[in-house]
Amino acid sequence: MAASWGGMRGLGTIVRCKGRRLLGQFRGSASRHATRLGIASLLSFIAIVAIAGSMVWAGNEVRAENESVSIKRSSERTTFSDAEIADGFFKIAFGAELRLAGGANRVRKFDGPVRVFLDNRAHANRRADIAAVISDIRTYVDRLDIALTEDRNAANIVVTLVRDHDALVRTMRSLYGRKRADEIARRLTPRCLSGFGEDGQHRIRRAEVLLTSDEGDFNFLDCAYEELLQALGPINDDRSVPWTMFNDDVQMGYFDVYDQYILNILYDARVRPGMTRREIEVLLPDILPGIREWISNANSVRQLGASNDSGHWSNSPLLE
């Protein structure tokens, strides 16, 4: 399940904006146990998890792909018409599931490098999993500069890892205030959540992701991928799109091909923060051929790497 809201206290995530009035929107559904936050004019929120390849590199560590991920990947649909891609993009990149205030009819995205800091408050060490997710995102999104950083002050996405649901609720209360956190907990029973803050030009300036570590490897990955990807801008969940992880009835655990299309459209250099649906419709015929070629090539390299047990398909450093 996913949700978004605003008006929270605290530093980081969707919160703590001194001297400003925060307006928000709720999104939620009961099947995913994931929660998202959003704030009109300042903040919005999202969710996800996973790992990729048959063998995956995380830093210097080669890790076997989760068995459930491998099974899902083997039956994945990877070919889509332009109309199917466009339909999902407009449903997922625009709007928000339960809106409390403000509109969401503009493109929202980072317009510069994205740096992710991991705040580990759990017993489990999930750093390698988060590193693999970020590496995967960087590998499959052509125009996105994303990497882990050890410097929290340099980060514009903070991933907070907590042990379990109780710890998640306590963290939500500390960040967003008891009233908002308890309302979300009552309605959604979340196991993960994310959100972002946007400026007046709909540029994402800061995002936060909260993940629990004790839900098992596949559920953790499913949450991590969805939440991190949604923190990049595509905040809406839509059950009418059956191929996307941004559907409360779908669990992936990896960065699927359909969602690669969504993120590559969003982060194409010609797509700017604040653009309307009509403006994107005009651009899509020019954008999609290049994106198709990029995704085809990137996944061909992944398949070749998997067959050679290599699994890491990016030459750029993961950690700055």
Foldseek 3Di string as FASTA:
>chain_A
DEWAFAQFDADAARYNDPPDGWGWFIAADAQQLAYFHATAQWKTKWWFFAFDFQWADQANDIHGGDPVLVVLVVPADQDDDLVLLLVVLQQQQFDAHGGDDHGGQWGAFAPDAAEEEEAEPAPDDCNSRLLRLQLQLPLLAPQYHYFYEPDPVPHQEYEYEYAFLVRVLVVCCNTGNNVVSVVCCVVHVHQKMKMFIAHPLNYTRHMYIYHHDPPDLQSRRGGSNTRVVVNRRRHYADCVNPNDSSHSVDTNNHCGNSVSSSNNLSSDPVRDTGDGSVVSVVCSVVRPVVSVVSNVVSVVVSVVCSVVSNHRDDPDDRYD
